[in-house]
């Protein structure tokens, strides 16, 4: 079977935009890598159920979101929405409300867009945060992630202020009010939140602390509490590290995290009774600076983009114990930082 992998890139050196390649699940080879769209630093991509790609875009001093039609398996531009700001660091989609959230790391705010009938987006609201943390990387607000919780609240992770902010929001994307704030430990640097299907448990990735926190969400009080924290790197590691991506398998049995610096993927088993995490493997990414990664549609393979070494590593995945086995590492893509797998 053939799958298509789409690569967002950093575009600081040799990359020119969004790339694609075919993955043959039988031969386990990545084939025909090529540039699909010339665009400035598409460091994050999100694909909607309507087959539209929403990509980070940067042109000179302007940044924003570019919208593409992917319904024919060709990436065709619909529109660009650029502003006099730095480009976003992350883009998420909420299918229920048809909303797109673009988190701006440098300027500390989230832009909220409503998806239109043709897949294009319209800016409907913004949320700005202020503050700072204790580390040099936390001199001001650095909003890194925004998404709707299972009970319909907007949750925002601010790496710069060590906060998870919860807001009420209507179906049109307009923010009504701030509800509560959960403060992580100082220097944690919350980067991403992943809710489990029960709507109660969630994992928060701490980029700066190289840790994952298990949170319990109380729908009646609309607040978080933390019940576990685990490291993403070995205790004897003494170099610098920053967490990259975090992905939970569809069956919610295994969680994967990438480490930039330690250059590895950490594999965790999820306890079915209380959702606590247990490390089962830490495997080298076979490249430098694995910012993001993705699982294929079958979740039998995991693809890692190593930004600074311009290579994509492919692992096979054992679904019975979650462990990864190296398939190949010499797959050239310039500055890969975000990966999407489609069929």
Protein backbone atom coordinates (compact mmCIF):
# COMPACT_ATOMS: atom_id res chain seq x y z
CA UNK A 1 0.00 0.00 0.00
CA UNK A 2 1.16 3.54 -0.75
CA UNK A 3 0.81 6.40 1.70
CA UNK A 4 1.78 10.03 1.20
CA UNK A 5 3.88 11.85 3.78
CA UNK A 6 3.71 15.66 3.75
CA UNK A 7 6.60 17.58 5.27
CA UNK A 8 6.57 21.09 6.68
CA UNK A 9 10.04 22.58 6.86
CA UNK A 10 12.00 25.31 8.58
CA UNK A 11 13.27 26.93 5.36
CA UNK A 12 16.31 28.53 7.00
CA UNK A 13 18.95 26.93 4.77
CA UNK A 14 18.07 24.83 1.73
CA UNK A 15 14.37 24.13 2.08
CA UNK A 16 11.90 25.93 -0.18
CA UNK A 17 8.54 24.99 1.38
CA UNK A 18 6.25 21.97 1.67
CA UNK A 19 7.55 18.61 0.45
CA UNK A 20 5.89 15.28 -0.25
CA UNK A 21 7.06 11.69 -0.58
CA UNK A 22 5.40 8.29 -1.06
CA UNK A 23 5.82 5.54 1.51
CA UNK A 24 5.44 1.95 0.33
CA UNK A 25 4.30 -0.10 3.32
CA UNK A 26 5.39 -3.33 1.61
CA UNK A 27 8.96 -2.32 0.72
CA UNK A 28 9.09 0.06 3.72
CA UNK A 29 10.78 2.68 1.54
CA UNK A 30 10.21 6.41 1.20
CA UNK A 31 10.03 7.20 -2.51
CA UNK A 32 9.96 10.19 -4.86
CA UNK A 33 10.55 13.06 -2.40
CA UNK A 34 9.80 16.39 -4.07
CA UNK A 35 8.92 20.02 -3.43
CA UNK A 36 5.15 20.50 -3.73
CA UNK A 37 4.64 24.14 -2.74
CA UNK A 38 7.05 27.04 -2.44
CA UNK A 39 6.19 28.83 0.79
CA UNK A 40 8.14 30.57 3.54
CA UNK A 41 9.00 28.43 6.58
CA UNK A 42 5.91 26.17 6.82
CA UNK A 43 7.00 24.89 10.22
CA UNK A 44 3.61 23.46 11.12
CA UNK A 45 0.81 21.86 9.08
CA UNK A 46 -2.68 20.68 9.97
CA UNK A 47 -5.03 18.66 7.75
CA UNK A 48 -8.80 18.95 8.17
CA UNK A 49 -11.45 16.29 7.56
CA UNK A 50 -12.48 18.45 4.61
CA UNK A 51 -9.06 17.82 3.05
CA UNK A 52 -7.71 21.32 3.53
CA UNK A 53 -4.16 21.97 4.71
CA UNK A 54 -3.56 24.91 7.04
CA UNK A 55 0.12 25.84 7.04
CA UNK A 56 2.33 28.32 8.84
CA UNK A 57 3.47 30.95 6.34
CA UNK A 58 6.09 33.68 6.45
CA UNK A 59 6.84 36.42 3.95
CA UNK A 60 9.47 38.99 4.93
CA UNK A 61 8.22 40.64 8.14
CA UNK A 62 4.72 39.15 7.90
CA UNK A 63 3.46 35.84 9.22
CA UNK A 64 0.23 33.92 9.24
CA UNK A 65 -1.68 30.96 7.85
CA UNK A 66 -1.84 29.71 4.27
CA UNK A 67 -4.84 27.61 3.22
CA UNK A 68 -4.58 24.83 0.63
CA UNK A 69 -7.04 22.47 -1.02
CA UNK A 70 -5.86 18.85 -0.84
CA UNK A 71 -9.06 17.14 -2.02
CA UNK A 72 -7.42 15.94 -5.25
CA UNK A 73 -4.15 14.93 -3.52
CA UNK A 74 -2.53 18.00 -5.06
CA UNK A 75 -1.71 20.94 -2.81
CA UNK A 76 -3.53 23.90 -4.38
CA UNK A 77 -3.47 27.33 -2.74
CA UNK A 78 -6.81 28.86 -1.72
CA UNK A 79 -5.69 31.95 0.21
CA UNK A 80 -3.04 33.41 2.49
CA UNK A 81 -3.79 35.28 5.70
CA UNK A 82 -0.70 37.28 6.63
CA UNK A 83 -0.30 39.84 9.41
CA UNK A 84 2.41 42.19 10.66
CA UNK A 85 3.52 39.64 13.25
CA UNK A 86 5.93 36.78 13.44
CA UNK A 87 4.57 33.53 12.02
CA UNK A 88 2.68 31.08 14.27
CA UNK A 89 4.43 28.15 15.90
CA UNK A 90 1.47 25.77 15.92
CA UNK A 91 -1.87 25.27 14.15
CA UNK A 92 -4.74 23.11 15.40
CA UNK A 93 -8.20 22.36 14.04
CA UNK A 94 -11.48 21.76 15.85
CA UNK A 95 -13.78 19.84 13.54
CA UNK A 96 -16.92 20.16 15.67
CA UNK A 97 -16.93 23.97 15.66
CA UNK A 98 -15.01 24.31 12.36
CA UNK A 99 -12.31 26.45 13.94
CA UNK A 100 -8.59 26.87 13.33
CA UNK A 101 -6.25 28.08 16.10
CA UNK A 102 -2.88 29.64 15.28
CA UNK A 103 -0.61 29.99 18.31
CA UNK A 104 1.98 32.76 18.17
CA UNK A 105 5.06 31.96 20.25
CA UNK A 106 6.96 35.22 19.84
CA UNK A 107 4.06 37.57 20.48
CA UNK A 108 2.10 35.57 23.06
CA UNK A 109 -1.34 35.27 21.49
CA UNK A 110 -3.74 32.93 19.71
CA UNK A 111 -5.64 33.83 16.56
CA UNK A 112 -8.99 32.08 16.12
CA UNK A 113 -10.31 31.49 12.61
CA UNK A 114 -13.68 30.18 11.44
CA UNK A 115 -13.55 27.70 8.55
CA UNK A 116 -15.67 28.80 5.59
CA UNK A 117 -17.56 26.57 3.15
CA UNK A 118 -14.69 26.45 0.65
CA UNK A 119 -12.15 25.64 3.36
CA UNK A 120 -10.83 29.18 3.61
CA UNK A 121 -10.70 30.83 7.04
CA UNK A 122 -11.90 34.10 8.57
CA UNK A 123 -10.31 35.70 11.64
CA UNK A 124 -12.95 35.99 14.37
CA UNK A 125 -11.04 36.58 17.62
CA UNK A 126 -7.66 36.80 19.37
CA UNK A 127 -6.48 36.02 22.88
CA UNK A 128 -3.37 37.73 24.24
CA UNK A 129 -1.53 36.61 27.35
CA UNK A 130 1.12 38.39 29.41
CA UNK A 131 3.73 37.35 31.93
CA UNK A 132 7.05 35.54 32.16
CA UNK A 133 8.77 32.60 33.80
CA UNK A 134 12.04 31.97 35.62
CA UNK A 135 14.20 30.77 32.72
CA UNK A 136 15.93 32.89 30.04
CA UNK A 137 13.61 31.29 27.44
CA UNK A 138 10.63 32.61 29.42
CA UNK A 139 11.22 36.36 29.27
CA UNK A 140 7.65 36.89 28.07
CA UNK A 141 4.51 35.01 27.10
CA UNK A 142 5.11 32.23 24.54
CA UNK A 143 1.75 30.74 23.59
CA UNK A 144 2.51 27.37 22.00
CA UNK A 145 -0.75 25.44 21.71
CA UNK A 146 -4.52 25.96 21.70
CA UNK A 147 -7.33 23.44 21.36
CA UNK A 148 -10.90 22.77 22.43
CA UNK A 149 -11.29 20.35 25.34
CA UNK A 150 -13.81 17.48 25.16
CA UNK A 151 -16.30 19.58 27.16
CA UNK A 152 -16.03 22.53 24.78
CA UNK A 153 -13.58 24.81 26.61
CA UNK A 154 -10.58 26.45 24.97
CA UNK A 155 -7.30 25.33 26.55
CA UNK A 156 -4.11 27.29 25.85
CA UNK A 157 -0.58 26.25 26.79
CA UNK A 158 1.82 29.13 27.44
CA UNK A 159 5.44 27.98 27.52
CA UNK A 160 6.66 31.39 28.67
CA UNK A 161 4.45 31.76 31.72
CA UNK A 162 4.16 28.09 32.81
CA UNK A 163 0.37 28.27 32.50
CA UNK A 164 -2.53 26.37 31.02
CA UNK A 165 -5.37 28.82 30.51
CA UNK A 166 -9.01 27.77 30.17
CA UNK A 167 -11.59 29.95 28.42
CA UNK A 168 -15.25 29.64 27.56
CA UNK A 169 -15.84 30.02 23.81
CA UNK A 170 -18.90 29.91 21.58
CA UNK A 171 -19.34 27.80 18.45
CA UNK A 172 -18.47 30.78 16.23
CA UNK A 173 -15.03 31.04 17.81
CA UNK A 174 -15.56 34.10 19.95
CA UNK A 175 -14.07 34.00 23.43
CA UNK A 176 -16.58 34.70 26.19
CA UNK A 177 -14.50 34.74 29.38
CA UNK A 178 -11.48 33.31 31.15
CA UNK A 179 -12.44 30.47 33.48
CA UNK A 180 -9.31 29.25 35.26
CA UNK A 181 -5.52 28.99 35.14
CA UNK A 182 -3.42 25.94 35.97
CA UNK A 183 0.20 26.69 36.86
CA UNK A 184 2.77 24.02 36.14
CA UNK A 185 5.97 23.86 38.14
CA UNK A 186 8.32 26.77 37.37
CA UNK A 187 10.47 26.19 34.30
CA UNK A 188 8.24 23.40 32.98
CA UNK A 189 7.43 25.19 29.72
CA UNK A 190 4.08 23.63 28.70
CA UNK A 191 4.08 23.03 24.95
CA UNK A 192 1.17 20.76 24.08
CA UNK A 193 -1.91 19.22 25.71
CA UNK A 194 -3.41 15.89 24.62
CA UNK A 195 -6.78 14.89 26.08
CA UNK A 196 -7.82 11.27 26.34
CA UNK A 197 -11.27 10.27 25.10
CA UNK A 198 -12.65 10.10 28.64
CA UNK A 199 -12.44 13.90 28.74
CA UNK A 200 -10.89 13.71 32.21
CA UNK A 201 -7.24 12.76 31.71
CA UNK A 202 -4.74 14.77 29.70
CA UNK A 203 -1.00 14.77 29.07
CA UNK A 204 0.92 18.05 29.00
CA UNK A 205 4.39 18.17 27.45
CA UNK A 206 6.98 20.34 29.18
CA UNK A 207 9.49 21.42 26.54
CA UNK A 208 11.89 23.17 28.89
CA UNK A 209 11.80 20.60 31.70
CA UNK A 210 11.89 17.54 29.40
CA UNK A 211 8.93 16.12 31.29
CA UNK A 212 5.35 14.97 30.77
CA UNK A 213 2.64 15.74 33.29
CA UNK A 214 -0.54 13.71 33.76
CA UNK A 215 -3.43 16.05 34.47
CA UNK A 216 -6.91 15.35 35.78
CA UNK A 217 -9.59 17.71 34.51
CA UNK A 218 -12.61 18.40 36.71
CA UNK A 219 -15.55 19.40 34.47
CA UNK A 220 -17.60 20.68 37.40
CA UNK A 221 -14.96 23.18 38.52
CA UNK A 222 -13.29 23.47 35.08
CA UNK A 223 -9.84 23.15 36.62
CA UNK A 224 -6.79 20.87 36.28
CA UNK A 225 -4.86 18.94 38.92
CA UNK A 226 -1.57 17.09 38.32
CA UNK A 227 -1.15 13.48 39.45
CA UNK A 228 2.12 12.35 37.79
CA UNK A 229 5.23 13.75 36.18
CA UNK A 230 7.80 11.69 34.24
CA UNK A 231 11.05 12.52 32.49
CA UNK A 232 11.48 12.21 28.73
CA UNK A 233 15.25 11.69 28.92
CA UNK A 234 17.53 9.39 30.96
CA UNK A 235 18.50 10.60 34.42
CA UNK A 236 22.21 10.56 33.52
CA UNK A 237 21.82 12.91 30.54
CA UNK A 238 23.76 16.14 31.18
CA UNK A 239 23.39 18.02 27.86
CA UNK A 240 20.72 20.44 26.75
CA UNK A 241 17.36 19.10 25.62
CA UNK A 242 13.98 20.43 24.57
CA UNK A 243 10.95 18.26 23.89
CA UNK A 244 9.56 18.37 20.35
CA UNK A 245 6.40 16.41 19.53
CA UNK A 246 3.99 14.24 21.52
CA UNK A 247 1.53 11.74 20.04
CA UNK A 248 -0.86 9.25 21.59
CA UNK A 249 -1.88 6.10 19.70
CA UNK A 250 -5.53 5.70 18.69
CA UNK A 251 -6.02 2.89 21.19
CA UNK A 252 -4.57 5.17 23.91
CA UNK A 253 -2.15 2.45 24.99
CA UNK A 254 1.14 4.18 24.09
CA UNK A 255 2.50 7.72 24.11
CA UNK A 256 5.52 8.92 22.08
CA UNK A 257 7.68 12.01 22.63
CA UNK A 258 10.65 13.41 20.69
CA UNK A 259 13.71 14.93 22.36
CA UNK A 260 15.76 17.65 20.65
CA UNK A 261 19.28 17.59 22.07
CA UNK A 262 19.21 14.06 23.37
CA UNK A 263 17.99 13.28 19.82
CA UNK A 264 15.69 10.43 20.71
CA UNK A 265 12.13 9.13 20.82
CA UNK A 266 10.74 8.09 24.19
CA UNK A 267 8.02 5.43 24.32
CA UNK A 268 5.58 5.16 27.23
CA UNK A 269 2.97 2.57 28.09
CA UNK A 270 -0.32 3.97 29.37
CA UNK A 271 -1.77 2.23 32.43
CA UNK A 272 -5.35 1.33 31.51
CA UNK A 273 -6.66 1.83 35.07
CA UNK A 274 -5.31 5.28 35.90
CA UNK A 275 -3.56 6.51 32.69
CA UNK A 276 -0.19 6.86 34.39
CA UNK A 277 2.87 6.49 32.17
CA UNK A 278 5.69 3.95 32.28
CA UNK A 279 8.79 4.31 30.10
CA UNK A 280 9.38 1.24 27.92
CA UNK A 281 11.97 2.50 25.44
CA UNK A 282 14.19 5.42 24.51
CA UNK A 283 15.56 5.04 21.00
CA UNK A 284 17.95 7.35 19.05
CA UNK A 285 16.26 9.41 16.34
CA UNK A 286 19.24 8.72 14.05
CA UNK A 287 19.58 12.41 13.27
CA UNK A 288 19.91 15.84 14.83
CA UNK A 289 17.06 17.82 16.40
CA UNK A 290 13.87 15.75 15.96
CA UNK A 291 11.31 18.50 16.28
CA UNK A 292 8.24 16.51 15.18
CA UNK A 293 7.16 13.07 14.03
CA UNK A 294 4.04 11.20 12.97
CA UNK A 295 2.53 7.75 12.90
CA UNK A 296 1.22 6.35 9.63
CA UNK A 297 -2.48 5.51 9.15
CA UNK A 298 -2.05 1.93 10.39
CA UNK A 299 0.24 3.05 13.24
CA UNK A 300 2.65 0.30 12.20
CA UNK A 301 5.30 2.89 11.28
CA UNK A 302 6.63 6.08 12.85
CA UNK A 303 8.39 8.82 10.86
CA UNK A 304 10.75 11.33 12.48
CA UNK A 305 11.92 14.60 10.93
CA UNK A 306 15.45 15.52 12.02
CA UNK A 307 15.61 19.26 11.33
CA UNK A 308 19.35 19.94 11.57
CA UNK A 309 20.58 16.81 9.77
CA UNK A 310 18.06 16.99 6.89
CA UNK A 311 16.92 13.41 7.21
CA UNK A 312 13.78 11.45 7.96
CA UNK A 313 14.04 8.30 10.05
CA UNK A 314 11.53 5.48 9.66
CA UNK A 315 10.74 3.04 12.48
CA UNK A 316 8.46 0.03 12.48
CA UNK A 317 6.20 -0.16 15.52
CA UNK A 318 5.22 -3.22 17.52
CA UNK A 319 1.60 -2.67 18.55
CA UNK A 320 1.80 -5.29 21.31
CA UNK A 321 4.46 -3.48 23.35
CA UNK A 322 4.82 -0.08 21.62
CA UNK A 323 8.52 -0.46 20.88
CA UNK A 324 10.21 0.94 17.78
CA UNK A 325 12.68 -0.76 15.45
CA UNK A 326 14.82 1.17 12.97
CA UNK A 327 13.89 0.66 9.30
CA UNK A 328 15.93 3.41 7.61
CA UNK A 329 17.50 6.77 8.33
CA UNK A 330 19.00 8.01 5.05
CA UNK A 331 15.86 9.66 3.69
CA UNK A 332 16.67 13.21 2.58
CA UNK A 333 14.21 16.02 3.23
CA UNK A 334 15.67 19.50 3.89
CA UNK A 335 14.97 20.84 7.40
CA UNK A 336 11.92 18.67 8.19
CA UNK A 337 10.00 19.85 11.24
CA UNK A 338 6.36 18.78 10.80
CA UNK A 339 4.99 15.59 9.24
CA UNK A 340 1.51 14.52 8.10
CA UNK A 341 0.59 11.07 6.82
CA UNK A 342 -2.27 10.65 4.33
CA UNK A 343 -3.59 7.89 2.09
